[in-house]
Amino acid sequence: MRKQYHFQPSKNGFYAWDVDILVEKSKELPQISIPLNAIKELDENFWYQGPDANPTCRSLAEHFRLVNETNLKYPIILSKDGRIMDGMHRVVKALLLGNKTIKAVQFIVE
């Protein structure tokens, strides 16, 4: 897996998490099934939030490649408020496949 970080905007700037640490800390959390229509990020600008983040055809193609290569056997990771911390490419793949739900783990405390 490529090295990844999760960034979430806040009133204090961006919060950042190392995804490898998120995966490790979430291993023992119970898996749940989340309806895709409950995932707010599907209708938000998720991948292009930074000042230099532009949705070019090349960057979209890279996301398409990552969606294609992702594996739905791994649950997505949600914050305590239900926001995606890891797994947006899996969410998009599930949507493209016509799935109604996706496996997830959710932190209760951050």
N, C-alpha and C. Protein backbone atom coordinates (compact mmCIF):
# COMPACT_ATOMS: atom_id res chain seq x y z
N MET A 1 0.85 -1.17 0.00
CA MET A 1 0.00 0.00 0.00
C MET A 1 0.90 1.24 0.00
N ARG A 2 0.51 2.25 -0.76
CA ARG A 2 1.26 3.49 -0.81
C ARG A 2 1.10 4.26 0.51
N LYS A 3 2.10 5.04 0.87
CA LYS A 3 2.03 5.85 2.09
C LYS A 3 0.97 6.92 1.90
N GLN A 4 0.06 7.02 2.88
CA GLN A 4 -1.04 7.96 2.78
C GLN A 4 -1.25 8.70 4.09
N TYR A 5 -1.81 9.88 3.95
CA TYR A 5 -2.21 10.68 5.10
C TYR A 5 -3.63 11.14 4.87
N HIS A 6 -4.37 11.27 5.95
CA HIS A 6 -5.73 11.79 5.87
C HIS A 6 -5.71 13.20 6.43
N PHE A 7 -6.24 14.15 5.66
CA PHE A 7 -6.33 15.54 6.09
C PHE A 7 -7.80 15.91 6.21
N GLN A 8 -8.14 16.57 7.31
CA GLN A 8 -9.51 17.02 7.50
C GLN A 8 -9.50 18.48 7.92
N PRO A 9 -10.23 19.33 7.19
CA PRO A 9 -10.24 20.75 7.56
C PRO A 9 -10.93 20.97 8.90
N SER A 10 -10.45 21.94 9.63
CA SER A 10 -11.06 22.31 10.92
C SER A 10 -10.94 23.82 11.07
N LYS A 11 -11.51 24.36 12.11
CA LYS A 11 -11.40 25.80 12.36
C LYS A 11 -9.97 26.21 12.67
N ASN A 12 -9.12 25.23 13.02
CA ASN A 12 -7.71 25.49 13.34
C ASN A 12 -6.78 25.12 12.19
N GLY A 13 -7.29 24.96 10.99
CA GLY A 13 -6.48 24.50 9.86
C GLY A 13 -6.82 23.06 9.55
N PHE A 14 -5.87 22.31 9.02
CA PHE A 14 -6.10 20.91 8.69
C PHE A 14 -5.57 20.00 9.79
N TYR A 15 -6.36 19.00 10.17
CA TYR A 15 -5.87 17.92 11.01
C TYR A 15 -5.32 16.86 10.07
N ALA A 16 -4.27 16.15 10.48
CA ALA A 16 -3.66 15.13 9.64
C ALA A 16 -3.45 13.85 10.45
N TRP A 17 -3.70 12.71 9.78
CA TRP A 17 -3.47 11.40 10.38
C TRP A 17 -2.68 10.54 9.41
N ASP A 18 -1.77 9.76 9.94
CA ASP A 18 -1.05 8.76 9.15
C ASP A 18 -1.99 7.57 8.99
N VAL A 19 -2.30 7.20 7.76
CA VAL A 19 -3.28 6.13 7.51
C VAL A 19 -2.79 4.80 8.04
N ASP A 20 -1.48 4.52 8.00
CA ASP A 20 -0.96 3.27 8.56
C ASP A 20 -1.31 3.15 10.04
N ILE A 21 -1.22 4.26 10.76
CA ILE A 21 -1.57 4.26 12.19
C ILE A 21 -3.07 4.09 12.36
N LEU A 22 -3.88 4.74 11.50
CA LEU A 22 -5.33 4.56 11.56
C LEU A 22 -5.72 3.10 11.37
N VAL A 23 -5.10 2.46 10.39
CA VAL A 23 -5.40 1.05 10.11
C VAL A 23 -5.04 0.19 11.33
N GLU A 24 -3.88 0.43 11.89
CA GLU A 24 -3.44 -0.34 13.06
C GLU A 24 -4.39 -0.13 14.25
N LYS A 25 -4.75 1.12 14.53
CA LYS A 25 -5.62 1.43 15.67
C LYS A 25 -7.06 0.95 15.47
N SER A 26 -7.46 0.72 14.22
CA SER A 26 -8.85 0.32 13.96
C SER A 26 -9.02 -1.19 13.79
N LYS A 27 -7.93 -1.95 13.86
CA LYS A 27 -7.99 -3.39 13.59
C LYS A 27 -8.98 -4.14 14.47
N GLU A 28 -9.11 -3.75 15.71
CA GLU A 28 -9.98 -4.48 16.65
C GLU A 28 -11.39 -3.91 16.72
N LEU A 29 -11.66 -2.84 15.98
CA LEU A 29 -13.01 -2.28 16.00
C LEU A 29 -13.98 -3.20 15.26
N PRO A 30 -15.22 -3.28 15.71
CA PRO A 30 -16.19 -4.15 15.03
C PRO A 30 -16.55 -3.58 13.65
N GLN A 31 -16.70 -4.49 12.69
CA GLN A 31 -17.11 -4.07 11.35
C GLN A 31 -18.62 -3.87 11.32
N ILE A 32 -19.02 -2.81 10.65
CA ILE A 32 -20.43 -2.50 10.47
C ILE A 32 -20.69 -2.30 8.97
N SER A 33 -21.94 -2.28 8.60
CA SER A 33 -22.32 -2.02 7.22
C SER A 33 -22.94 -0.63 7.15
N ILE A 34 -22.42 0.20 6.25
CA ILE A 34 -22.87 1.58 6.12
C ILE A 34 -23.56 1.75 4.76
N PRO A 35 -24.75 2.33 4.73
CA PRO A 35 -25.36 2.63 3.43
C PRO A 35 -24.53 3.68 2.69
N LEU A 36 -24.28 3.45 1.41
CA LEU A 36 -23.51 4.43 0.64
C LEU A 36 -24.19 5.80 0.62
N ASN A 37 -25.52 5.81 0.63
CA ASN A 37 -26.21 7.10 0.58
C ASN A 37 -26.06 7.89 1.90
N ALA A 38 -25.45 7.29 2.92
CA ALA A 38 -25.19 8.00 4.18
C ALA A 38 -23.80 8.63 4.19
N ILE A 39 -23.00 8.37 3.15
CA ILE A 39 -21.64 8.90 3.10
C ILE A 39 -21.67 10.27 2.44
N LYS A 40 -21.56 11.30 3.27
CA LYS A 40 -21.67 12.69 2.80
C LYS A 40 -20.60 13.06 1.79
N GLU A 41 -19.41 12.49 1.95
CA GLU A 41 -18.29 12.85 1.09
C GLU A 41 -18.53 12.53 -0.38
N LEU A 42 -19.47 11.64 -0.68
CA LEU A 42 -19.78 11.34 -2.07
C LEU A 42 -20.31 12.56 -2.82
N ASP A 43 -20.84 13.52 -2.10
CA ASP A 43 -21.39 14.72 -2.72
C ASP A 43 -20.62 15.98 -2.33
N GLU A 44 -19.37 15.78 -1.92
CA GLU A 44 -18.51 16.90 -1.53
C GLU A 44 -17.20 16.85 -2.32
N ASN A 45 -16.47 17.94 -2.28
CA ASN A 45 -15.13 17.98 -2.86
C ASN A 45 -14.19 17.31 -1.88
N PHE A 46 -13.90 16.05 -2.10
CA PHE A 46 -13.10 15.28 -1.15
C PHE A 46 -11.62 15.28 -1.50
N TRP A 47 -11.28 15.10 -2.76
CA TRP A 47 -9.89 14.91 -3.17
C TRP A 47 -9.17 16.20 -3.54
N TYR A 48 -9.87 17.29 -3.73
CA TYR A 48 -9.24 18.50 -4.26
C TYR A 48 -9.46 19.70 -3.35
N GLN A 49 -9.03 19.59 -2.10
CA GLN A 49 -9.26 20.65 -1.13
C GLN A 49 -8.12 21.62 -0.96
N GLY A 50 -6.91 21.21 -1.26
CA GLY A 50 -5.76 22.09 -1.05
C GLY A 50 -5.66 23.19 -2.10
N PRO A 51 -4.87 24.21 -1.83
CA PRO A 51 -4.76 25.33 -2.77
C PRO A 51 -4.14 24.93 -4.12
N ASP A 52 -3.34 23.89 -4.13
CA ASP A 52 -2.71 23.43 -5.38
C ASP A 52 -3.39 22.19 -5.94
N ALA A 53 -4.52 21.80 -5.39
CA ALA A 53 -5.22 20.59 -5.83
C ALA A 53 -6.21 20.93 -6.94
N ASN A 54 -5.87 20.56 -8.15
CA ASN A 54 -6.72 20.84 -9.29
C ASN A 54 -7.20 19.54 -9.92
N PRO A 55 -8.48 19.44 -10.23
CA PRO A 55 -9.01 18.22 -10.84
C PRO A 55 -8.67 18.16 -12.34
N THR A 56 -7.41 17.89 -12.64
CA THR A 56 -6.99 17.76 -14.03
C THR A 56 -7.37 16.37 -14.54
N CYS A 57 -7.37 16.22 -15.83
CA CYS A 57 -7.64 14.90 -16.42
C CYS A 57 -6.62 13.87 -15.92
N ARG A 58 -5.36 14.29 -15.79
CA ARG A 58 -4.32 13.37 -15.31
C ARG A 58 -4.59 12.95 -13.86
N SER A 59 -4.97 13.91 -13.01
CA SER A 59 -5.22 13.55 -11.61
C SER A 59 -6.48 12.69 -11.48
N LEU A 60 -7.48 12.97 -12.30
CA LEU A 60 -8.68 12.12 -12.29
C LEU A 60 -8.33 10.70 -12.74
N ALA A 61 -7.50 10.58 -13.78
CA ALA A 61 -7.08 9.26 -14.26
C ALA A 61 -6.37 8.48 -13.16
N GLU A 62 -5.56 9.18 -12.37
CA GLU A 62 -4.87 8.52 -11.25
C GLU A 62 -5.89 8.02 -10.22
N HIS A 63 -6.90 8.82 -9.93
CA HIS A 63 -7.95 8.36 -9.01
C HIS A 63 -8.71 7.17 -9.60
N PHE A 64 -8.99 7.20 -10.90
CA PHE A 64 -9.67 6.07 -11.54
C PHE A 64 -8.83 4.80 -11.40
N ARG A 65 -7.51 4.93 -11.59
CA ARG A 65 -6.61 3.78 -11.44
C ARG A 65 -6.67 3.23 -10.01
N LEU A 66 -6.62 4.14 -9.04
CA LEU A 66 -6.67 3.70 -7.64
C LEU A 66 -8.01 3.06 -7.30
N VAL A 67 -9.11 3.59 -7.83
CA VAL A 67 -10.43 2.99 -7.62
C VAL A 67 -10.43 1.58 -8.19
N ASN A 68 -9.91 1.43 -9.39
CA ASN A 68 -9.88 0.13 -10.04
C ASN A 68 -9.06 -0.89 -9.26
N GLU A 69 -7.96 -0.46 -8.66
CA GLU A 69 -7.05 -1.36 -7.96
C GLU A 69 -7.46 -1.66 -6.52
N THR A 70 -8.36 -0.89 -5.97
CA THR A 70 -8.70 -1.04 -4.55
C THR A 70 -9.46 -2.33 -4.29
N ASN A 71 -9.41 -2.79 -3.05
CA ASN A 71 -10.02 -4.06 -2.67
C ASN A 71 -11.11 -3.81 -1.62
N LEU A 72 -12.33 -4.22 -1.94
CA LEU A 72 -13.46 -3.98 -1.04
C LEU A 72 -13.48 -4.91 0.17
N LYS A 73 -12.54 -5.84 0.27
CA LYS A 73 -12.54 -6.71 1.45
C LYS A 73 -12.08 -5.96 2.70
N TYR A 74 -11.40 -4.82 2.51
CA TYR A 74 -10.95 -4.02 3.64
C TYR A 74 -12.00 -2.97 3.98
N PRO A 75 -12.36 -2.84 5.25
CA PRO A 75 -13.38 -1.84 5.62
C PRO A 75 -12.84 -0.42 5.51
N ILE A 76 -13.72 0.50 5.22
CA ILE A 76 -13.34 1.91 5.28
C ILE A 76 -13.25 2.30 6.76
N ILE A 77 -12.57 3.40 7.03
CA ILE A 77 -12.41 3.87 8.41
C ILE A 77 -13.14 5.20 8.55
N LEU A 78 -14.02 5.27 9.55
CA LEU A 78 -14.81 6.47 9.80
C LEU A 78 -14.40 7.09 11.14
N SER A 79 -14.45 8.40 11.19
CA SER A 79 -14.23 9.11 12.45
C SER A 79 -15.47 8.94 13.32
N LYS A 80 -15.39 9.44 14.54
CA LYS A 80 -16.53 9.29 15.45
C LYS A 80 -17.78 10.00 14.93
N ASP A 81 -17.59 11.05 14.11
CA ASP A 81 -18.74 11.75 13.54
C ASP A 81 -19.16 11.20 12.17
N GLY A 82 -18.59 10.05 11.79
CA GLY A 82 -19.01 9.38 10.58
C GLY A 82 -18.35 9.86 9.30
N ARG A 83 -17.30 10.65 9.42
CA ARG A 83 -16.60 11.16 8.24
C ARG A 83 -15.52 10.16 7.81
N ILE A 84 -15.26 10.10 6.51
CA ILE A 84 -14.26 9.19 5.96
C ILE A 84 -12.86 9.61 6.41
N MET A 85 -12.13 8.68 7.01
CA MET A 85 -10.73 8.91 7.34
C MET A 85 -9.83 8.11 6.40
N ASP A 86 -10.33 6.99 5.91
CA ASP A 86 -9.61 6.19 4.93
C ASP A 86 -10.64 5.37 4.15
N GLY A 87 -10.47 5.33 2.83
CA GLY A 87 -11.30 4.43 2.05
C GLY A 87 -12.17 5.07 0.98
N MET A 88 -11.92 6.32 0.62
CA MET A 88 -12.80 6.95 -0.37
C MET A 88 -12.73 6.26 -1.72
N HIS A 89 -11.57 5.73 -2.10
CA HIS A 89 -11.50 5.00 -3.38
C HIS A 89 -12.35 3.73 -3.31
N ARG A 90 -12.41 3.10 -2.13
CA ARG A 90 -13.28 1.92 -1.96
C ARG A 90 -14.75 2.32 -2.03
N VAL A 91 -15.10 3.46 -1.46
CA VAL A 91 -16.48 3.95 -1.53
C VAL A 91 -16.88 4.18 -2.98
N VAL A 92 -16.01 4.81 -3.75
CA VAL A 92 -16.32 5.07 -5.15
C VAL A 92 -16.44 3.76 -5.93
N LYS A 93 -15.57 2.79 -5.63
CA LYS A 93 -15.67 1.50 -6.31
C LYS A 93 -17.00 0.82 -6.00
N ALA A 94 -17.39 0.83 -4.73
CA ALA A 94 -18.67 0.24 -4.34
C ALA A 94 -19.83 0.92 -5.06
N LEU A 95 -19.77 2.22 -5.17
CA LEU A 95 -20.81 2.98 -5.87
C LEU A 95 -20.87 2.57 -7.35
N LEU A 96 -19.71 2.50 -7.99
CA LEU A 96 -19.66 2.12 -9.40
C LEU A 96 -20.17 0.71 -9.64
N LEU A 97 -19.96 -0.17 -8.67
CA LEU A 97 -20.42 -1.56 -8.79
C LEU A 97 -21.92 -1.70 -8.49
N GLY A 98 -22.55 -0.62 -8.04
CA GLY A 98 -23.97 -0.67 -7.74
C GLY A 98 -24.29 -1.18 -6.35
N ASN A 99 -23.27 -1.28 -5.49
CA ASN A 99 -23.51 -1.72 -4.12
C ASN A 99 -24.32 -0.67 -3.37
N LYS A 100 -25.10 -1.12 -2.43
CA LYS A 100 -25.90 -0.20 -1.60
C LYS A 100 -25.21 0.11 -0.27
N THR A 101 -24.30 -0.79 0.15
CA THR A 101 -23.62 -0.63 1.44
C THR A 101 -22.13 -0.92 1.25
N ILE A 102 -21.38 -0.59 2.30
CA ILE A 102 -19.94 -0.88 2.34
C ILE A 102 -19.56 -1.21 3.77
N LYS A 103 -18.56 -2.09 3.92
CA LYS A 103 -18.06 -2.44 5.25
C LYS A 103 -17.26 -1.27 5.81
N ALA A 104 -17.40 -1.04 7.11
CA ALA A 104 -16.69 0.07 7.75
C ALA A 104 -16.35 -0.29 9.19
N VAL A 105 -15.40 0.44 9.72
CA VAL A 105 -15.14 0.48 11.17
C VAL A 105 -15.20 1.95 11.54
N GLN A 106 -15.62 2.20 12.77
CA GLN A 106 -15.79 3.60 13.19
C GLN A 106 -15.20 3.82 14.57
N PHE A 107 -14.38 4.85 14.66
CA PHE A 107 -13.84 5.22 15.95
C PHE A 107 -14.94 5.83 16.81
N ILE A 108 -14.91 5.49 18.08
CA ILE A 108 -15.87 6.07 19.03
C ILE A 108 -15.26 7.32 19.65
N VAL A 109 -13.94 7.28 19.90
CA VAL A 109 -13.22 8.41 20.48
C VAL A 109 -12.01 8.68 19.60
N GLU A 110 -11.69 9.95 19.38
CA GLU A 110 -10.52 10.33 18.59
C GLU A 110 -9.46 10.95 19.46
